[in-house]
Protein backbone atom coordinates (compact mmCIF):
# COMPACT_ATOMS: atom_id res chain seq x y z
CA MET A 1 85.14 -16.28 43.89
CA ALA A 2 82.51 -15.87 41.18
CA ALA A 3 80.54 -12.67 40.85
CA ASP A 4 76.86 -12.77 41.79
CA ASN A 5 75.09 -12.23 38.48
CA ASN A 6 71.69 -12.36 40.18
CA ALA A 7 72.01 -9.00 41.94
CA GLU A 8 68.85 -6.92 41.87
CA PHE A 9 68.86 -3.25 40.99
CA ALA A 10 66.03 -0.76 41.13
CA LEU A 11 65.46 2.87 40.26
CA GLN A 12 65.64 4.85 43.49
CA LYS A 13 64.66 8.21 42.02
CA SER A 14 63.99 9.49 38.53
CA PHE A 15 67.07 10.99 36.95
CA GLY A 16 64.95 13.41 34.89
CA ILE A 17 66.21 12.39 31.47
CA ASP A 18 62.92 11.72 29.69
CA HIS A 19 63.46 14.44 27.08
CA GLY A 20 67.04 13.80 26.00
CA GLU A 21 68.68 15.94 28.69
CA LEU A 22 71.80 13.79 28.62
CA LYS A 23 72.12 13.72 24.85
CA GLY A 24 75.76 14.19 23.97
CA GLN A 25 76.98 12.84 27.33
CA SER A 26 79.02 9.64 27.30
CA ARG A 27 77.92 6.64 29.37
CA GLN A 28 80.73 7.42 31.80
CA GLN A 29 79.62 11.05 32.16
CA SER A 30 76.00 9.98 32.63
CA PHE A 31 77.04 7.48 35.31
CA CYS A 32 79.07 10.17 37.07
CA LEU A 33 76.12 12.59 37.06
CA GLY A 34 73.78 9.89 38.39
CA TYR A 35 76.20 8.95 41.15
CA GLU A 36 76.66 12.61 42.05
CA LEU A 37 72.89 13.12 42.30
CA ALA A 38 72.41 9.93 44.32
CA THR A 39 75.16 10.96 46.75
CA ILE A 40 73.65 14.38 47.36
CA ASP A 41 70.12 12.98 47.59
CA THR A 42 71.27 10.44 50.19
CA MET A 43 73.02 13.14 52.21
CA LEU A 44 69.86 15.27 52.12
CA HIS A 45 67.93 12.44 53.75
CA TYR A 46 70.45 10.99 56.20
CA GLU A 47 72.99 13.71 57.05
CA LYS A 48 71.31 15.88 59.67
CA ARG A 49 74.17 18.37 59.98
CA SER A 50 74.86 21.09 57.45
CA PHE A 51 77.08 20.09 54.55
CA PHE A 52 78.43 21.32 51.23
CA LYS A 53 79.20 19.23 48.20
CA PRO A 54 80.74 20.05 44.82
CA TYR A 55 78.72 19.16 41.73
CA HIS A 56 78.91 19.41 37.95
CA THR A 57 76.91 22.43 36.76
CA VAL A 58 75.20 20.30 34.10
CA ASN A 59 73.53 18.53 37.07
CA HIS A 60 72.28 21.79 38.64
CA LEU A 61 68.54 21.42 37.92
CA ARG A 62 68.42 17.80 39.14
CA ILE A 63 70.29 18.70 42.34
CA GLU A 64 68.08 21.72 42.90
CA ALA A 65 64.97 19.51 42.55
CA ALA A 66 66.41 17.07 45.12
CA CYS A 67 67.10 19.95 47.52
CA LYS A 68 63.59 21.36 47.09
CA GLY A 69 62.09 17.92 47.67
CA SER A 70 64.02 17.51 50.91
CA GLY A 71 62.47 20.59 52.49
CA ARG A 72 65.89 21.79 53.68
CA GLN A 73 67.31 25.24 53.05
CA TYR A 74 70.13 25.35 50.51
CA LYS A 75 72.12 27.71 48.35
CA PHE A 76 74.38 27.29 45.37
CA LYS A 77 77.80 28.76 44.74
CA VAL A 78 79.12 28.75 41.17
CA LEU A 79 82.84 28.01 41.07
CA ASN A 80 83.33 28.09 37.28
CA ASP A 81 81.57 26.95 34.09
CA ASP A 82 81.91 23.27 35.05
CA TRP A 83 81.69 23.19 38.85
CA GLY A 84 79.51 24.51 41.64
CA GLU A 85 78.89 23.78 45.31
CA VAL A 86 75.62 23.18 47.05
CA HIS A 87 75.47 24.32 50.68
CA VAL A 88 72.71 22.70 52.73
CA SER A 89 71.60 23.87 56.18
CA PRO A 90 71.01 21.46 59.09
CA ALA A 91 67.83 19.42 59.07
CA LYS A 92 65.05 20.64 61.32
CA LYS A 93 64.63 18.61 64.48
């Protein structure tokens, strides 16, 4: 079965990299950070229960902006220099 080369892709949300914030990151690392942000952003909008999710600390400001934009309460827990967790409270009904 041939792959569909006509798939359409679109920017869902700005990744906040207009000023070289990902300089020094490989394409694989940049993809990982984008996927991580998209996963958390999706959970903020569709998961109504509380949740926690690990994240790379280099992504902290982008994840914090997504949390602020969601209007939900959240807190961060630093695990080490590379990893943290974001804890998000339930969505208001």
